[in-house]
Amino acid sequence: MIFKFRITLDVLEDVFRDIAIRNTDTLEDLHLSILQSFGMVGEEMASFYIADNEWNQGEEIALEDFSEGNASKKLMSSTVLKDVLSEKQTKLIYVYDFLNMWTFYVELADITEPDSSRSYPDLLFAQGQLPENPPEKKFESDTFGQFDAEFSEEIQNDDFDFDNFDNYDFDENWN
């Protein structure tokens, strides 16, 4: 079977690619297809995240495992597309380059029979150009604003003198 995906970059303009790939290929194959279709170099780390219908981020499937003996992560190279996607589970979030946070919404749009005249993966359609810089991300939370206000008030009311440690039981040469 062939999975047909629409991969949309998280920007205001319409920037997306439609890719067809075998359902027996891995998430690493999809990762490489996305990079190639958007003209990205591919020298940065990346992860897929299983997403629900509202695009809430779920389980991570990483390009590399840096868990160092802790609970190991699922890896793209050993995760087959048909094992994580189906007619009911159609959405993934793909993040490339964790410093710049290029974020893509990957949606399974169709499942079809293979076409013997095509080779897969196959770029079916391209719309828009990748911007020079990744879109700005705003990380907002009412909880953080509340914490920040409380913390600022607490600091203002403290009698700490961070420039003079003479009155504190503190050994600055402890190591």
C-alpha atoms as a PDB file:
ATOM      1  CA  MET A   1       0.000   0.000   0.000  1.00  0.00           C
ATOM      2  CA  ILE A   2       1.011   3.614  -0.560  1.00  0.00           C
ATOM      3  CA  PHE A   3       0.565   6.342   2.028  1.00  0.00           C
ATOM      4  CA  LYS A   4       0.013   9.819   0.631  1.00  0.00           C
ATOM      5  CA  PHE A   5       0.951  12.617   3.002  1.00  0.00           C
ATOM      6  CA  ARG A   6       0.514  16.360   3.089  1.00  0.00           C
ATOM      7  CA  ILE A   7       3.397  17.921   5.021  1.00  0.00           C
ATOM      8  CA  THR A   8       2.689  21.542   5.996  1.00  0.00           C
ATOM      9  CA  LEU A   9       5.255  23.930   7.454  1.00  0.00           C
ATOM     10  CA  ASP A  10       4.023  25.862  10.491  1.00  0.00           C
ATOM     11  CA  VAL A  11       4.008  29.338   8.860  1.00  0.00           C
ATOM     12  CA  LEU A  12       1.325  31.841   7.871  1.00  0.00           C
ATOM     13  CA  GLU A  13       1.864  31.306   4.138  1.00  0.00           C
ATOM     14  CA  ASP A  14       0.908  28.070   2.393  1.00  0.00           C
ATOM     15  CA  VAL A  15       4.106  26.014   2.343  1.00  0.00           C
ATOM     16  CA  PHE A  16       3.484  22.297   1.940  1.00  0.00           C
ATOM     17  CA  ARG A  17       4.523  19.165   0.087  1.00  0.00           C
ATOM     18  CA  ASP A  18       2.524  16.101  -0.915  1.00  0.00           C
ATOM     19  CA  ILE A  19       4.571  12.910  -0.732  1.00  0.00           C
ATOM     20  CA  ALA A  20       3.684   9.311  -1.609  1.00  0.00           C
ATOM     21  CA  ILE A  21       5.651   6.582   0.175  1.00  0.00           C
ATOM     22  CA  ARG A  22       5.264   2.848   0.770  1.00  0.00           C
ATOM     23  CA  ASN A  23       3.535   1.982   4.052  1.00  0.00           C
ATOM     24  CA  THR A  24       6.345  -0.512   4.703  1.00  0.00           C
ATOM     25  CA  ASP A  25       8.993   2.239   4.651  1.00  0.00           C
ATOM     26  CA  THR A  26      10.259   3.649   7.939  1.00  0.00           C
ATOM     27  CA  LEU A  27       9.798   7.022   9.559  1.00  0.00           C
ATOM     28  CA  GLU A  28      13.459   7.622   8.716  1.00  0.00           C
ATOM     29  CA  ASP A  29      12.562   7.237   5.023  1.00  0.00           C
ATOM     30  CA  LEU A  30       9.773   9.775   5.491  1.00  0.00           C
ATOM     31  CA  HIS A  31      12.172  12.079   7.381  1.00  0.00           C
ATOM     32  CA  LEU A  32      14.641  11.974   4.455  1.00  0.00           C
ATOM     33  CA  SER A  33      11.830  12.567   1.946  1.00  0.00           C
ATOM     34  CA  ILE A  34      10.635  15.620   3.868  1.00  0.00           C
ATOM     35  CA  LEU A  35      14.150  17.058   4.035  1.00  0.00           C
ATOM     36  CA  GLN A  36      14.716  16.515   0.333  1.00  0.00           C
ATOM     37  CA  SER A  37      11.324  17.875  -0.724  1.00  0.00           C
ATOM     38  CA  PHE A  38      11.833  21.090   1.268  1.00  0.00           C
ATOM     39  CA  GLY A  39      15.501  21.438   0.226  1.00  0.00           C
ATOM     40  CA  MET A  40      16.913  21.107   3.734  1.00  0.00           C
ATOM     41  CA  VAL A  41      20.477  19.917   4.343  1.00  0.00           C
ATOM     42  CA  GLY A  42      19.693  17.253   6.924  1.00  0.00           C
ATOM     43  CA  GLU A  43      22.521  17.814   9.381  1.00  0.00           C
ATOM     44  CA  GLU A  44      20.333  18.438  12.449  1.00  0.00           C
ATOM     45  CA  MET A  45      18.434  16.231  14.873  1.00  0.00           C
ATOM     46  CA  ALA A  46      14.763  15.545  14.309  1.00  0.00           C
ATOM     47  CA  SER A  47      11.801  13.747  15.831  1.00  0.00           C
ATOM     48  CA  PHE A  48       8.295  12.725  14.906  1.00  0.00           C
ATOM     49  CA  TYR A  49       5.535  12.932  17.491  1.00  0.00           C
ATOM     50  CA  ILE A  50       2.289  11.025  17.245  1.00  0.00           C
ATOM     51  CA  ALA A  51      -0.516  13.599  17.316  1.00  0.00           C
ATOM     52  CA  ASP A  52      -4.200  13.371  18.078  1.00  0.00           C
ATOM     53  CA  ASN A  53      -6.953  14.964  15.981  1.00  0.00           C
ATOM     54  CA  GLU A  54      -6.352  18.377  17.611  1.00  0.00           C
ATOM     55  CA  TRP A  55      -2.581  18.172  16.877  1.00  0.00           C
ATOM     56  CA  ASN A  56      -1.652  17.611  20.520  1.00  0.00           C
ATOM     57  CA  GLN A  57       1.847  16.168  20.719  1.00  0.00           C
ATOM     58  CA  GLY A  58       2.155  12.600  21.959  1.00  0.00           C
ATOM     59  CA  GLU A  59       4.819   9.883  21.922  1.00  0.00           C
ATOM     60  CA  GLU A  60       8.200  10.817  20.440  1.00  0.00           C
ATOM     61  CA  ILE A  61       9.940   8.793  17.720  1.00  0.00           C
ATOM     62  CA  ALA A  62      13.494  10.104  17.479  1.00  0.00           C
ATOM     63  CA  LEU A  63      16.163  10.070  14.805  1.00  0.00           C
ATOM     64  CA  GLU A  64      18.845   9.076  17.346  1.00  0.00           C
ATOM     65  CA  ASP A  65      18.723   7.599  20.842  1.00  0.00           C
ATOM     66  CA  PHE A  66      20.602   9.705  23.389  1.00  0.00           C
ATOM     67  CA  SER A  67      18.901   8.212  26.438  1.00  0.00           C
ATOM     68  CA  GLU A  68      22.219   6.801  27.813  1.00  0.00           C
ATOM     69  CA  GLY A  69      20.842   3.668  29.423  1.00  0.00           C
ATOM     70  CA  ASN A  70      17.554   5.179  30.557  1.00  0.00           C
ATOM     71  CA  ALA A  71      14.323   4.016  28.982  1.00  0.00           C
ATOM     72  CA  SER A  72      15.209   3.905  25.285  1.00  0.00           C
ATOM     73  CA  LYS A  73      13.162   5.809  22.759  1.00  0.00           C
ATOM     74  CA  LYS A  74      11.490   4.568  19.644  1.00  0.00           C
ATOM     75  CA  LEU A  75      13.707   5.270  16.658  1.00  0.00           C
ATOM     76  CA  MET A  76      12.738   6.357  13.158  1.00  0.00           C
ATOM     77  CA  SER A  77      14.984   3.737  11.556  1.00  0.00           C
ATOM     78  CA  SER A  78      13.123   0.850  13.210  1.00  0.00           C
ATOM     79  CA  THR A  79       9.577   2.247  13.102  1.00  0.00           C
ATOM     80  CA  VAL A  80       7.544   1.243  10.058  1.00  0.00           C
ATOM     81  CA  LEU A  81       4.929   3.732   8.854  1.00  0.00           C
ATOM     82  CA  LYS A  82       2.032   1.247   8.930  1.00  0.00           C
ATOM     83  CA  ASP A  83       2.834   0.478  12.584  1.00  0.00           C
ATOM     84  CA  VAL A  84       2.082   4.054  13.716  1.00  0.00           C
ATOM     85  CA  LEU A  85      -0.362   5.332  11.091  1.00  0.00           C
ATOM     86  CA  SER A  86      -3.739   4.135   9.881  1.00  0.00           C
ATOM     87  CA  GLU A  87      -7.109   5.431   8.724  1.00  0.00           C
ATOM     88  CA  LYS A  88      -7.841   6.281  12.372  1.00  0.00           C
ATOM     89  CA  GLN A  89      -4.381   7.598  13.367  1.00  0.00           C
ATOM     90  CA  THR A  90      -3.473  10.051  10.602  1.00  0.00           C
ATOM     91  CA  LYS A  91      -1.405  12.819  12.201  1.00  0.00           C
ATOM     92  CA  LEU A  92       2.219  13.329  13.137  1.00  0.00           C
ATOM     93  CA  ILE A  93       4.182  16.391  14.145  1.00  0.00           C
ATOM     94  CA  TYR A  94       7.701  16.546  12.696  1.00  0.00           C
ATOM     95  CA  VAL A  95      10.316  18.781  14.324  1.00  0.00           C
ATOM     96  CA  TYR A  96      13.646  19.360  12.597  1.00  0.00           C
ATOM     97  CA  ASP A  97      16.592  21.211  14.181  1.00  0.00           C
ATOM     98  CA  PHE A  98      15.711  21.639  17.847  1.00  0.00           C
ATOM     99  CA  LEU A  99      17.565  24.957  18.088  1.00  0.00           C
ATOM    100  CA  ASN A 100      15.474  26.541  15.327  1.00  0.00           C
ATOM    101  CA  MET A 101      12.353  24.376  15.771  1.00  0.00           C
ATOM    102  CA  TRP A 102      11.270  23.880  12.172  1.00  0.00           C
ATOM    103  CA  THR A 103       7.828  22.373  12.806  1.00  0.00           C
ATOM    104  CA  PHE A 104       5.775  20.487  10.229  1.00  0.00           C
ATOM    105  CA  TYR A 105       2.302  18.986  10.409  1.00  0.00           C
ATOM    106  CA  VAL A 106       2.248  15.598   8.679  1.00  0.00           C
ATOM    107  CA  GLU A 107      -1.145  14.231   7.761  1.00  0.00           C
ATOM    108  CA  LEU A 108      -1.985  10.945   6.095  1.00  0.00           C
ATOM    109  CA  ALA A 109      -4.365  12.062   3.343  1.00  0.00           C
ATOM    110  CA  ASP A 110      -4.911   8.840   1.403  1.00  0.00           C
ATOM    111  CA  ILE A 111      -4.038   5.154   1.239  1.00  0.00           C
ATOM    112  CA  THR A 112      -3.814   3.768  -2.292  1.00  0.00           C
ATOM    113  CA  GLU A 113      -2.429   0.904  -4.334  1.00  0.00           C
ATOM    114  CA  PRO A 114       1.077   1.339  -5.730  1.00  0.00           C
ATOM    115  CA  ASP A 115       1.462   2.619  -9.275  1.00  0.00           C
ATOM    116  CA  SER A 116       4.029   0.488 -11.135  1.00  0.00           C
ATOM    117  CA  SER A 117       5.035   3.498 -13.260  1.00  0.00           C
ATOM    118  CA  ARG A 118       6.246   5.426 -10.183  1.00  0.00           C
ATOM    119  CA  SER A 119       9.140   4.971  -7.812  1.00  0.00           C
ATOM    120  CA  TYR A 120       8.650   5.672  -4.134  1.00  0.00           C
ATOM    121  CA  PRO A 121       9.028   7.869  -2.196  1.00  0.00           C
ATOM    122  CA  ASP A 122       7.609  10.326  -4.710  1.00  0.00           C
ATOM    123  CA  LEU A 123       7.080  14.081  -4.448  1.00  0.00           C
ATOM    124  CA  LEU A 124       3.591  14.586  -5.854  1.00  0.00           C
ATOM    125  CA  PHE A 125       3.129  18.333  -5.365  1.00  0.00           C
ATOM    126  CA  ALA A 126       4.976  21.320  -3.915  1.00  0.00           C
ATOM    127  CA  GLN A 127       3.479  24.655  -2.836  1.00  0.00           C
ATOM    128  CA  GLY A 128       5.488  27.603  -1.499  1.00  0.00           C
ATOM    129  CA  GLN A 129       9.123  28.050  -0.583  1.00  0.00           C
ATOM    130  CA  LEU A 130      10.897  27.340   2.668  1.00  0.00           C
ATOM    131  CA  PRO A 131      11.678  30.691   4.331  1.00  0.00           C
ATOM    132  CA  GLU A 132      15.305  31.558   5.091  1.00  0.00           C
ATOM    133  CA  ASN A 133      14.617  31.482   8.830  1.00  0.00           C
ATOM    134  CA  PRO A 134      12.240  29.310  10.820  1.00  0.00           C
ATOM    135  CA  PRO A 135       9.045  30.947  12.041  1.00  0.00           C
ATOM    136  CA  GLU A 136       9.197  32.633  15.448  1.00  0.00           C
ATOM    137  CA  LYS A 137       7.662  30.558  18.219  1.00  0.00           C
ATOM    138  CA  LYS A 138       5.790  32.187  21.064  1.00  0.00           C
ATOM    139  CA  PHE A 139       5.749  30.199  24.262  1.00  0.00           C
ATOM    140  CA  GLU A 140       3.022  31.689  26.381  1.00  0.00           C
ATOM    141  CA  SER A 141       1.405  30.549  29.561  1.00  0.00           C
ATOM    142  CA  ASP A 142      -0.779  32.293  32.096  1.00  0.00           C
ATOM    143  CA  THR A 143       0.826  30.122  34.754  1.00  0.00           C
ATOM    144  CA  PHE A 144       4.309  31.427  33.932  1.00  0.00           C
ATOM    145  CA  GLY A 145       3.120  35.047  33.995  1.00  0.00           C
ATOM    146  CA  GLN A 146       1.560  34.467  37.403  1.00  0.00           C
ATOM    147  CA  PHE A 147       4.721  32.741  38.675  1.00  0.00           C
ATOM    148  CA  ASP A 148       6.924  35.509  37.247  1.00  0.00           C
ATOM    149  CA  ALA A 149       4.873  38.219  38.984  1.00  0.00           C
ATOM    150  CA  GLU A 150       4.929  36.345  42.317  1.00  0.00           C
ATOM    151  CA  PHE A 151       8.649  35.636  42.039  1.00  0.00           C
ATOM    152  CA  SER A 152       9.483  39.271  41.192  1.00  0.00           C
ATOM    153  CA  GLU A 153       7.476  40.482  44.192  1.00  0.00           C
ATOM    154  CA  GLU A 154       9.189  37.934  46.460  1.00  0.00           C
ATOM    155  CA  ILE A 155      12.654  39.029  45.320  1.00  0.00           C
ATOM    156  CA  GLN A 156      11.806  42.678  45.913  1.00  0.00           C
ATOM    157  CA  ASN A 157      10.725  41.868  49.474  1.00  0.00           C
ATOM    158  CA  ASP A 158      13.844  39.807  50.300  1.00  0.00           C
ATOM    159  CA  ASP A 159      16.733  41.238  52.276  1.00  0.00           C
ATOM    160  CA  PHE A 160      19.374  39.291  50.333  1.00  0.00           C
ATOM    161  CA  ASP A 161      22.536  41.141  49.372  1.00  0.00           C
ATOM    162  CA  PHE A 162      23.965  39.083  46.520  1.00  0.00           C
ATOM    163  CA  ASP A 163      27.090  41.256  46.361  1.00  0.00           C
ATOM    164  CA  ASN A 164      28.100  40.632  49.972  1.00  0.00           C
ATOM    165  CA  PHE A 165      28.292  37.055  51.300  1.00  0.00           C
ATOM    166  CA  ASP A 166      29.936  37.963  54.645  1.00  0.00           C
ATOM    167  CA  ASN A 167      26.696  37.616  56.614  1.00  0.00           C
ATOM    168  CA  TYR A 168      25.834  34.184  55.201  1.00  0.00           C
ATOM    169  CA  ASP A 169      27.061  30.739  56.204  1.00  0.00           C
ATOM    170  CA  PHE A 170      28.433  30.112  52.755  1.00  0.00           C
ATOM    171  CA  ASP A 171      31.839  28.791  51.687  1.00  0.00           C
ATOM    172  CA  GLU A 172      32.496  30.161  48.224  1.00  0.00           C
ATOM    173  CA  ASN A 173      35.484  27.786  47.858  1.00  0.00           C
ATOM    174  CA  TRP A 174      33.496  24.652  48.661  1.00  0.00           C
ATOM    175  CA  ASN A 175      34.930  22.576  45.827  1.00  0.00           C
END
